[in-house]
Amino acid sequence: TKMSTTERTRLGIGRSFQITNVFPNLTVLENVRLAVQSQAGTRLQMLAHYRKYKVFEEKAEEWLELVLLQNKKEILAKNLAHGEKRKLEIAMLLALNTEVLLLDEPTAGMSVEEVPAILEVIKKIKQGKDRTIILIEHKMDMILDLSDTVMVLFNGRLLADGTPEEIMKNETVQSAYLGGLYDDSSIKA
């Protein structure tokens, strides 16, 4: 659409990209506190005592607990591991009261050891049942584990959609992705 990122966010849509986007020179807590504060419509006042913003910090700490970063709140964001930065970015999106989370390859660039933690965070968000999560991901085991519905794209078009079980049994998907002969003229436009 022609809407700006800010307008989309105000509608409840949050997105993260493959490259993390946090404030590197702020602490983990400050990153999330700013997102909480923006939702309250309160601007930082230079001469106000920092304790005035305690309510925002408390809410930010709740989000940090959800994404398993509560013990890193005083660390500068630039000093986090890549997977931790991804979790911080998700906490910031949640703090913006997003109803729809668009996560573009949330495990991209992570070490094998970091992946389980981000999967745990996504599962916790899903269990809350108050947000829709749309994942773009190439790791099929992750998609099959996390998803209620899977949509498979092939050459930019919808190839199939259904439950993870239906997608795994779908002969067209198997042919397209596992190397069989495939005629893309049957793809839904």
C-alpha atoms as a PDB file:
ATOM      1  CA  THR A   1       0.000   0.000   0.000  1.00  0.00           C
ATOM      2  CA  LYS A   2       0.961   3.633  -0.016  1.00  0.00           C
ATOM      3  CA  MET A   3       0.878   3.753   3.779  1.00  0.00           C
ATOM      4  CA  SER A   4       4.067   4.627   5.605  1.00  0.00           C
ATOM      5  CA  THR A   5       5.673   2.208   8.029  1.00  0.00           C
ATOM      6  CA  THR A   6       4.440   4.377  10.891  1.00  0.00           C
ATOM      7  CA  GLU A   7       0.846   4.275   9.630  1.00  0.00           C
ATOM      8  CA  ARG A   8       0.987   0.487   9.249  1.00  0.00           C
ATOM      9  CA  THR A   9       2.381   0.135  12.749  1.00  0.00           C
ATOM     10  CA  ARG A  10      -0.438   2.260  14.150  1.00  0.00           C
ATOM     11  CA  LEU A  11      -2.859  -0.181  12.500  1.00  0.00           C
ATOM     12  CA  GLY A  12      -1.239  -3.016  14.460  1.00  0.00           C
ATOM     13  CA  ILE A  13       1.130  -4.470  11.864  1.00  0.00           C
ATOM     14  CA  GLY A  14       4.738  -5.029  12.887  1.00  0.00           C
ATOM     15  CA  ARG A  15       7.494  -6.523  10.804  1.00  0.00           C
ATOM     16  CA  SER A  16      11.050  -7.637  11.212  1.00  0.00           C
ATOM     17  CA  PHE A  17      13.485  -8.190   8.409  1.00  0.00           C
ATOM     18  CA  GLN A  18      16.413 -10.555   7.979  1.00  0.00           C
ATOM     19  CA  ILE A  19      18.724  -7.748   9.100  1.00  0.00           C
ATOM     20  CA  THR A  20      17.983  -6.645  12.655  1.00  0.00           C
ATOM     21  CA  ASN A  21      16.997  -3.065  13.320  1.00  0.00           C
ATOM     22  CA  VAL A  22      17.657  -1.984  16.908  1.00  0.00           C
ATOM     23  CA  PHE A  23      19.254   1.072  18.521  1.00  0.00           C
ATOM     24  CA  PRO A  24      22.813  -0.240  19.033  1.00  0.00           C
ATOM     25  CA  ASN A  25      23.979   2.392  21.516  1.00  0.00           C
ATOM     26  CA  LEU A  26      20.990   2.070  23.833  1.00  0.00           C
ATOM     27  CA  THR A  27      20.553  -0.648  26.411  1.00  0.00           C
ATOM     28  CA  VAL A  28      18.232  -3.554  25.764  1.00  0.00           C
ATOM     29  CA  LEU A  29      15.741  -2.059  28.244  1.00  0.00           C
ATOM     30  CA  GLU A  30      15.927   1.393  26.628  1.00  0.00           C
ATOM     31  CA  ASN A  31      15.186  -0.086  23.193  1.00  0.00           C
ATOM     32  CA  VAL A  32      11.966  -1.688  24.418  1.00  0.00           C
ATOM     33  CA  ARG A  33      11.064   1.202  26.726  1.00  0.00           C
ATOM     34  CA  LEU A  34      11.071   3.564  23.750  1.00  0.00           C
ATOM     35  CA  ALA A  35       8.595   1.312  21.941  1.00  0.00           C
ATOM     36  CA  VAL A  36       6.344   1.181  25.024  1.00  0.00           C
ATOM     37  CA  GLN A  37       6.639   4.923  25.454  1.00  0.00           C
ATOM     38  CA  SER A  38       5.735   5.590  21.824  1.00  0.00           C
ATOM     39  CA  GLN A  39       2.478   3.687  22.295  1.00  0.00           C
ATOM     40  CA  ALA A  40       1.623   5.867  25.278  1.00  0.00           C
ATOM     41  CA  GLY A  41       2.134   8.995  23.188  1.00  0.00           C
ATOM     42  CA  THR A  42       4.589  10.396  25.722  1.00  0.00           C
ATOM     43  CA  ARG A  43       7.699  12.151  24.558  1.00  0.00           C
ATOM     44  CA  LEU A  44      10.931  12.265  26.482  1.00  0.00           C
ATOM     45  CA  GLN A  45      11.366  15.510  28.371  1.00  0.00           C
ATOM     46  CA  MET A  46      15.025  16.421  28.748  1.00  0.00           C
ATOM     47  CA  LEU A  47      14.690  17.900  32.249  1.00  0.00           C
ATOM     48  CA  ALA A  48      12.326  15.273  33.663  1.00  0.00           C
ATOM     49  CA  HIS A  49      13.774  12.814  36.144  1.00  0.00           C
ATOM     50  CA  TYR A  50      14.233   9.337  34.667  1.00  0.00           C
ATOM     51  CA  ARG A  51      12.066   7.786  37.396  1.00  0.00           C
ATOM     52  CA  LYS A  52       9.079   9.524  35.807  1.00  0.00           C
ATOM     53  CA  TYR A  53       9.230   6.823  33.138  1.00  0.00           C
ATOM     54  CA  LYS A  54       9.250   3.890  35.583  1.00  0.00           C
ATOM     55  CA  VAL A  55       5.864   2.606  34.358  1.00  0.00           C
ATOM     56  CA  PHE A  56       7.281   2.332  30.834  1.00  0.00           C
ATOM     57  CA  GLU A  57      10.319   0.452  32.110  1.00  0.00           C
ATOM     58  CA  GLU A  58       8.143  -1.982  34.022  1.00  0.00           C
ATOM     59  CA  LYS A  59       6.135  -2.786  30.890  1.00  0.00           C
ATOM     60  CA  ALA A  60       9.358  -3.073  28.869  1.00  0.00           C
ATOM     61  CA  GLU A  61      10.680  -5.558  31.415  1.00  0.00           C
ATOM     62  CA  GLU A  62       7.562  -7.695  30.917  1.00  0.00           C
ATOM     63  CA  TRP A  63       8.277  -7.873  27.184  1.00  0.00           C
ATOM     64  CA  LEU A  64      11.934  -8.673  27.863  1.00  0.00           C
ATOM     65  CA  GLU A  65      10.865 -11.539  30.094  1.00  0.00           C
ATOM     66  CA  LEU A  66       8.637 -12.927  27.321  1.00  0.00           C
ATOM     67  CA  VAL A  67      11.531 -12.931  24.840  1.00  0.00           C
ATOM     68  CA  LEU A  68      13.995 -14.331  27.392  1.00  0.00           C
ATOM     69  CA  LEU A  69      16.175 -11.209  27.645  1.00  0.00           C
ATOM     70  CA  GLN A  70      15.345 -10.023  31.174  1.00  0.00           C
ATOM     71  CA  ASN A  71      18.892 -10.787  32.358  1.00  0.00           C
ATOM     72  CA  LYS A  72      20.407  -8.674  29.544  1.00  0.00           C
ATOM     73  CA  LYS A  73      18.415  -5.478  30.123  1.00  0.00           C
ATOM     74  CA  GLU A  74      21.408  -3.305  31.065  1.00  0.00           C
ATOM     75  CA  ILE A  75      23.615  -4.418  28.157  1.00  0.00           C
ATOM     76  CA  LEU A  76      24.037  -2.173  25.126  1.00  0.00           C
ATOM     77  CA  ALA A  77      22.164  -3.674  22.182  1.00  0.00           C
ATOM     78  CA  LYS A  78      25.309  -3.649  20.034  1.00  0.00           C
ATOM     79  CA  ASN A  79      26.900  -6.128  22.466  1.00  0.00           C
ATOM     80  CA  LEU A  80      24.194  -8.767  22.064  1.00  0.00           C
ATOM     81  CA  ALA A  81      24.668 -11.902  20.010  1.00  0.00           C
ATOM     82  CA  HIS A  82      22.791 -11.956  16.711  1.00  0.00           C
ATOM     83  CA  GLY A  83      20.018 -14.217  18.025  1.00  0.00           C
ATOM     84  CA  GLU A  84      19.563 -11.960  21.048  1.00  0.00           C
ATOM     85  CA  LYS A  85      19.200  -8.941  18.773  1.00  0.00           C
ATOM     86  CA  ARG A  86      16.438 -10.793  16.923  1.00  0.00           C
ATOM     87  CA  LYS A  87      14.659 -11.421  20.228  1.00  0.00           C
ATOM     88  CA  LEU A  88      15.093  -7.749  21.152  1.00  0.00           C
ATOM     89  CA  GLU A  89      13.551  -6.719  17.860  1.00  0.00           C
ATOM     90  CA  ILE A  90      10.562  -8.990  18.530  1.00  0.00           C
ATOM     91  CA  ALA A  91      10.172  -7.461  22.014  1.00  0.00           C
ATOM     92  CA  MET A  92      10.093  -4.013  20.414  1.00  0.00           C
ATOM     93  CA  LEU A  93       7.397  -5.150  17.974  1.00  0.00           C
ATOM     94  CA  LEU A  94       5.324  -6.617  20.794  1.00  0.00           C
ATOM     95  CA  ALA A  95       5.704  -3.421  22.817  1.00  0.00           C
ATOM     96  CA  LEU A  96       4.111  -1.539  19.911  1.00  0.00           C
ATOM     97  CA  ASN A  97       0.900  -3.544  20.526  1.00  0.00           C
ATOM     98  CA  THR A  98       1.053  -5.173  17.132  1.00  0.00           C
ATOM     99  CA  GLU A  99      -1.711  -7.600  16.283  1.00  0.00           C
ATOM    100  CA  VAL A 100       0.034  -9.020  13.222  1.00  0.00           C
ATOM    101  CA  LEU A 101       3.730  -9.912  13.300  1.00  0.00           C
ATOM    102  CA  LEU A 102       5.451 -10.325   9.954  1.00  0.00           C
ATOM    103  CA  LEU A 103       8.699 -12.175  10.600  1.00  0.00           C
ATOM    104  CA  ASP A 104      11.033 -12.514   7.627  1.00  0.00           C
ATOM    105  CA  GLU A 105      13.334 -15.474   8.247  1.00  0.00           C
ATOM    106  CA  PRO A 106      13.600 -14.939  12.011  1.00  0.00           C
ATOM    107  CA  THR A 107      16.453 -17.449  12.308  1.00  0.00           C
ATOM    108  CA  ALA A 108      18.525 -16.105   9.393  1.00  0.00           C
ATOM    109  CA  GLY A 109      22.182 -15.756  10.265  1.00  0.00           C
ATOM    110  CA  MET A 110      21.823 -17.455  13.644  1.00  0.00           C
ATOM    111  CA  SER A 111      24.107 -20.124  14.933  1.00  0.00           C
ATOM    112  CA  VAL A 112      22.600 -23.558  15.473  1.00  0.00           C
ATOM    113  CA  GLU A 113      22.757 -22.942  19.237  1.00  0.00           C
ATOM    114  CA  GLU A 114      20.673 -19.725  18.985  1.00  0.00           C
ATOM    115  CA  VAL A 115      17.770 -21.165  16.968  1.00  0.00           C
ATOM    116  CA  PRO A 116      15.972 -23.028  19.806  1.00  0.00           C
ATOM    117  CA  ALA A 117      15.672 -19.815  21.853  1.00  0.00           C
ATOM    118  CA  ILE A 118      13.996 -17.862  19.040  1.00  0.00           C
ATOM    119  CA  LEU A 119      11.677 -20.807  18.379  1.00  0.00           C
ATOM    120  CA  GLU A 120      10.719 -20.809  22.058  1.00  0.00           C
ATOM    121  CA  VAL A 121       9.918 -17.079  21.861  1.00  0.00           C
ATOM    122  CA  ILE A 122       7.732 -17.536  18.778  1.00  0.00           C
ATOM    123  CA  LYS A 123       5.918 -20.459  20.440  1.00  0.00           C
ATOM    124  CA  LYS A 124       5.265 -18.331  23.552  1.00  0.00           C
ATOM    125  CA  ILE A 125       3.797 -15.550  21.421  1.00  0.00           C
ATOM    126  CA  LYS A 126       1.656 -18.071  19.541  1.00  0.00           C
ATOM    127  CA  GLN A 127       0.372 -19.578  22.807  1.00  0.00           C
ATOM    128  CA  GLY A 128      -0.916 -16.128  23.796  1.00  0.00           C
ATOM    129  CA  LYS A 129      -3.490 -16.447  20.974  1.00  0.00           C
ATOM    130  CA  ASP A 130      -3.784 -12.669  20.714  1.00  0.00           C
ATOM    131  CA  ARG A 131      -1.575 -12.133  17.674  1.00  0.00           C
ATOM    132  CA  THR A 132      -1.282 -13.459  14.163  1.00  0.00           C
ATOM    133  CA  ILE A 133       2.236 -14.474  13.195  1.00  0.00           C
ATOM    134  CA  ILE A 134       3.189 -14.640   9.538  1.00  0.00           C
ATOM    135  CA  LEU A 135       6.556 -16.302   8.986  1.00  0.00           C
ATOM    136  CA  ILE A 136       8.578 -16.264   5.831  1.00  0.00           C
ATOM    137  CA  GLU A 137      10.992 -19.099   6.308  1.00  0.00           C
ATOM    138  CA  HIS A 138      12.894 -21.697   4.295  1.00  0.00           C
ATOM    139  CA  LYS A 139      13.535 -24.114   7.160  1.00  0.00           C
ATOM    140  CA  MET A 140      10.707 -26.579   6.670  1.00  0.00           C
ATOM    141  CA  ASP A 141      11.124 -28.315  10.020  1.00  0.00           C
ATOM    142  CA  MET A 142      10.623 -24.975  11.753  1.00  0.00           C
ATOM    143  CA  ILE A 143       7.584 -24.092   9.645  1.00  0.00           C
ATOM    144  CA  LEU A 144       5.964 -27.472  10.192  1.00  0.00           C
ATOM    145  CA  ASP A 145       6.552 -27.242  13.947  1.00  0.00           C
ATOM    146  CA  LEU A 146       5.229 -23.693  14.405  1.00  0.00           C
ATOM    147  CA  SER A 147       2.479 -23.289  11.828  1.00  0.00           C
ATOM    148  CA  ASP A 148      -1.253 -23.891  11.853  1.00  0.00           C
ATOM    149  CA  THR A 149      -1.482 -23.081   8.140  1.00  0.00           C
ATOM    150  CA  VAL A 150       1.254 -23.197   5.499  1.00  0.00           C
ATOM    151  CA  MET A 151       1.239 -21.405   2.154  1.00  0.00           C
ATOM    152  CA  VAL A 152       3.842 -22.541  -0.355  1.00  0.00           C
ATOM    153  CA  LEU A 153       5.001 -20.140  -3.047  1.00  0.00           C
ATOM    154  CA  PHE A 154       6.724 -21.215  -6.224  1.00  0.00           C
ATOM    155  CA  ASN A 155       8.082 -18.699  -8.736  1.00  0.00           C
ATOM    156  CA  GLY A 156       6.145 -15.931  -6.982  1.00  0.00           C
ATOM    157  CA  ARG A 157       2.773 -17.676  -7.117  1.00  0.00           C
ATOM    158  CA  LEU A 158       0.719 -19.641  -4.626  1.00  0.00           C
ATOM    159  CA  LEU A 159       1.417 -23.314  -5.156  1.00  0.00           C
ATOM    160  CA  ALA A 160      -0.501 -24.775  -2.212  1.00  0.00           C
ATOM    161  CA  ASP A 161      -1.961 -23.941   1.162  1.00  0.00           C
ATOM    162  CA  GLY A 162      -3.204 -26.102   4.006  1.00  0.00           C
ATOM    163  CA  THR A 163      -2.220 -27.641   7.289  1.00  0.00           C
ATOM    164  CA  PRO A 164       1.401 -28.746   7.709  1.00  0.00           C
ATOM    165  CA  GLU A 165       0.264 -32.345   7.266  1.00  0.00           C
ATOM    166  CA  GLU A 166      -1.572 -31.534   4.015  1.00  0.00           C
ATOM    167  CA  ILE A 167       1.450 -29.656   2.656  1.00  0.00           C
ATOM    168  CA  MET A 168       3.796 -32.557   3.437  1.00  0.00           C
ATOM    169  CA  LYS A 169       1.527 -34.950   1.520  1.00  0.00           C
ATOM    170  CA  ASN A 170       0.934 -32.569  -1.397  1.00  0.00           C
ATOM    171  CA  GLU A 171       2.393 -34.152  -4.545  1.00  0.00           C
ATOM    172  CA  THR A 172       2.682 -30.804  -6.347  1.00  0.00           C
ATOM    173  CA  VAL A 173       4.772 -29.380  -3.493  1.00  0.00           C
ATOM    174  CA  GLN A 174       6.900 -32.519  -3.401  1.00  0.00           C
ATOM    175  CA  SER A 175       7.469 -32.342  -7.135  1.00  0.00           C
ATOM    176  CA  ALA A 176       8.343 -28.638  -7.119  1.00  0.00           C
ATOM    177  CA  TYR A 177      10.639 -28.715  -4.104  1.00  0.00           C
ATOM    178  CA  LEU A 178      12.046 -32.209  -4.104  1.00  0.00           C
ATOM    179  CA  GLY A 179      13.141 -32.281  -7.707  1.00  0.00           C
ATOM    180  CA  GLY A 180      10.404 -33.972  -9.694  1.00  0.00           C
ATOM    181  CA  LEU A 181       9.026 -32.824 -13.010  1.00  0.00           C
ATOM    182  CA  TYR A 182       6.659 -29.963 -12.486  1.00  0.00           C
ATOM    183  CA  ASP A 183       4.287 -28.013 -14.721  1.00  0.00           C
ATOM    184  CA  ASP A 184       3.678 -24.567 -13.189  1.00  0.00           C
ATOM    185  CA  SER A 185       0.665 -23.844 -15.415  1.00  0.00           C
ATOM    186  CA  SER A 186      -1.581 -25.275 -12.675  1.00  0.00           C
ATOM    187  CA  ILE A 187      -0.466 -22.765 -10.024  1.00  0.00           C
ATOM    188  CA  LYS A 188      -3.199 -20.513  -8.644  1.00  0.00           C
ATOM    189  CA  ALA A 189      -2.720 -16.928  -9.852  1.00  0.00           C
END
